[in-house]
C-alpha atoms as a PDB file:
ATOM      1  CA  MET A   1       5.638  -9.387   9.918  1.00  0.00           C
ATOM      2  CA  THR A   2       7.179 -12.646  10.721  1.00  0.00           C
ATOM      3  CA  SER A   3      11.000 -13.172  10.040  1.00  0.00           C
ATOM      4  CA  ARG A   4      10.290 -15.512   7.311  1.00  0.00           C
ATOM      5  CA  HIS A   5       8.680 -13.442   5.666  1.00  0.00           C
ATOM      6  CA  PRO A   6       9.494  -9.991   6.013  1.00  0.00           C
ATOM      7  CA  ASP A   7       7.791  -7.960   2.868  1.00  0.00           C
ATOM      8  CA  MET A   8       4.315  -8.890   4.877  1.00  0.00           C
ATOM      9  CA  PHE A   9       2.766  -6.985   7.310  1.00  0.00           C
ATOM     10  CA  SER A  10      -0.791  -7.083   8.847  1.00  0.00           C
ATOM     11  CA  GLY A  11      -4.060  -6.149   6.020  1.00  0.00           C
ATOM     12  CA  ILE A  12      -4.698  -2.898   4.357  1.00  0.00           C
ATOM     13  CA  PRO A  13      -8.309  -2.179   3.069  1.00  0.00           C
ATOM     14  CA  VAL A  14      -8.753  -0.558  -0.116  1.00  0.00           C
ATOM     15  CA  GLU A  15     -11.544  -0.188  -1.814  1.00  0.00           C
ATOM     16  CA  ASN A  16     -11.936  -1.001  -5.362  1.00  0.00           C
ATOM     17  CA  SER A  17     -13.408   1.789  -7.728  1.00  0.00           C
ATOM     18  CA  ASP A  18     -15.703  -1.793  -8.209  1.00  0.00           C
ATOM     19  CA  GLY A  19     -16.418  -0.936  -4.533  1.00  0.00           C
ATOM     20  CA  THR A  20     -15.356  -4.738  -3.550  1.00  0.00           C
ATOM     21  CA  ILE A  21     -12.721  -4.544  -0.785  1.00  0.00           C
ATOM     22  CA  SER A  22      -9.339  -5.837  -1.083  1.00  0.00           C
ATOM     23  CA  ILE A  23      -6.963  -6.055   2.088  1.00  0.00           C
ATOM     24  CA  ILE A  24      -3.001  -5.983   1.618  1.00  0.00           C
ATOM     25  CA  CYS A  25      -1.104  -8.156   2.662  1.00  0.00           C
ATOM     26  CA  SER A  26       2.113  -7.872   0.902  1.00  0.00           C
ATOM     27  CA  LEU A  27       4.936  -5.904  -1.152  1.00  0.00           C
ATOM     28  CA  ALA A  28       4.141  -7.775  -3.858  1.00  0.00           C
ATOM     29  CA  GLN A  29       0.201  -7.034  -3.256  1.00  0.00           C
ATOM     30  CA  MET A  30       0.351  -3.423  -2.680  1.00  0.00           C
ATOM     31  CA  ALA A  31       3.157  -3.717  -6.210  1.00  0.00           C
ATOM     32  CA  ASP A  32      -0.012  -4.678  -7.871  1.00  0.00           C
ATOM     33  CA  ALA A  33      -2.159  -2.494  -6.317  1.00  0.00           C
ATOM     34  CA  LEU A  34      -0.346   1.028  -7.047  1.00  0.00           C
ATOM     35  CA  ALA A  35       0.161  -0.227 -10.948  1.00  0.00           C
ATOM     36  CA  ASN A  36      -3.336  -1.709 -11.247  1.00  0.00           C
ATOM     37  CA  ASP A  37      -6.073   0.920 -11.778  1.00  0.00           C
ATOM     38  CA  TRP A  38      -4.822   3.287  -8.597  1.00  0.00           C
ATOM     39  CA  PRO A  39      -7.752   5.843  -8.854  1.00  0.00           C
ATOM     40  CA  SER A  40      -4.330   8.908  -8.479  1.00  0.00           C
ATOM     41  CA  ASP A  41      -1.534   9.800  -9.889  1.00  0.00           C
ATOM     42  CA  GLY A  42      -0.227  12.552  -7.559  1.00  0.00           C
ATOM     43  CA  PRO A  43       3.024  12.822  -4.993  1.00  0.00           C
ATOM     44  CA  MET A  44       2.041  10.212  -2.603  1.00  0.00           C
ATOM     45  CA  PHE A  45       1.298   7.547  -5.397  1.00  0.00           C
ATOM     46  CA  LEU A  46       4.726   8.063  -6.615  1.00  0.00           C
ATOM     47  CA  ALA A  47       6.177   8.274  -2.865  1.00  0.00           C
ATOM     48  CA  ALA A  48       4.487   4.992  -2.624  1.00  0.00           C
ATOM     49  CA  LEU A  49       5.596   2.886  -5.433  1.00  0.00           C
ATOM     50  CA  ALA A  50       9.512   4.928  -4.706  1.00  0.00           C
ATOM     51  CA  ALA A  51       9.265   2.806  -1.404  1.00  0.00           C
ATOM     52  CA  LEU A  52       8.748  -0.913  -3.044  1.00  0.00           C
ATOM     53  CA  VAL A  53      11.501   0.092  -5.684  1.00  0.00           C
ATOM     54  CA  GLU A  54      13.905   1.292  -2.621  1.00  0.00           C
ATOM     55  CA  ALA A  55      12.230  -1.968  -0.508  1.00  0.00           C
ATOM     56  CA  ARG A  56      12.826  -4.075  -3.385  1.00  0.00           C
ATOM     57  CA  VAL A  57      17.306  -3.021  -3.425  1.00  0.00           C
ATOM     58  CA  GLY A  58      17.465  -3.499   0.960  1.00  0.00           C
ATOM     59  CA  ARG A  59      17.552   0.584   1.559  1.00  0.00           C
ATOM     60  CA  CYS A  60      13.592   0.792   2.348  1.00  0.00           C
ATOM     61  CA  SER A  61      12.343  -0.892   5.518  1.00  0.00           C
ATOM     62  CA  THR A  62       8.848  -3.079   5.097  1.00  0.00           C
ATOM     63  CA  ARG A  63       7.376  -0.081   7.767  1.00  0.00           C
ATOM     64  CA  ASP A  64       8.549   2.593   5.509  1.00  0.00           C
ATOM     65  CA  VAL A  65       6.601   0.813   2.916  1.00  0.00           C
ATOM     66  CA  HIS A  66       3.298   0.397   4.684  1.00  0.00           C
ATOM     67  CA  ARG A  67       3.595   4.258   5.380  1.00  0.00           C
ATOM     68  CA  ALA A  68       4.155   5.199   1.995  1.00  0.00           C
ATOM     69  CA  PHE A  69       1.380   3.006   0.803  1.00  0.00           C
ATOM     70  CA  ILE A  70      -1.164   3.904   4.260  1.00  0.00           C
ATOM     71  CA  ALA A  71      -0.621   8.281   2.564  1.00  0.00           C
ATOM     72  CA  ALA A  72      -1.368   6.927  -1.179  1.00  0.00           C
ATOM     73  CA  ALA A  73      -4.529   5.178  -0.404  1.00  0.00           C
ATOM     74  CA  LEU A  74      -5.290   8.918   1.536  1.00  0.00           C
ATOM     75  CA  GLU A  75      -4.841  10.750  -1.497  1.00  0.00           C
ATOM     76  CA  ALA A  76      -6.698   8.746  -3.573  1.00  0.00           C
ATOM     77  CA  ASP A  77      -9.157   8.283  -1.065  1.00  0.00           C
ATOM     78  CA  CYS A  78      -9.703   4.645  -0.786  1.00  0.00           C
ATOM     79  CA  LEU A  79      -9.518   3.786   2.609  1.00  0.00           C
ATOM     80  CA  PRO A  80     -12.474   2.358   3.640  1.00  0.00           C
ATOM     81  CA  ASP A  81     -13.989   4.436   6.800  1.00  0.00           C
ATOM     82  CA  SER A  82     -13.997   1.771   8.465  1.00  0.00           C
ATOM     83  CA  TYR A  83      -9.853   1.800   8.365  1.00  0.00           C
ATOM     84  CA  MET A  84     -10.329   5.018   9.102  1.00  0.00           C
ATOM     85  CA  LYS A  85     -11.757   5.229  12.391  1.00  0.00           C
ATOM     86  CA  ASN A  86      -9.622   2.733  14.175  1.00  0.00           C
END
C-alpha cells in the first residue's frame, strides 16, 4: 500500500467462472468483482460488500476490507490453490 493510493494493496488472485485468474489490487476492482458474477451470496459476500461501503465513508480500513474480501473468496471457493498454499 502506498500513501498516494490508499485503496491499493497486494493482489489477490480470484478464479473466474471460465477458469481464468484475475488479480484484484484495489477497492474499485474488489467492488467490481463482487458486483459482477460473484459465485456466492453468502454471509461473507455480504460482509465484504458492507466493508467496502464502510471504507467508502471512512469507517473501515483498507486492511479490514482486504480481509473481508479474502473471507468472501474462501466462502465462494474462488481462491486458486496456489494462493491457499501461501
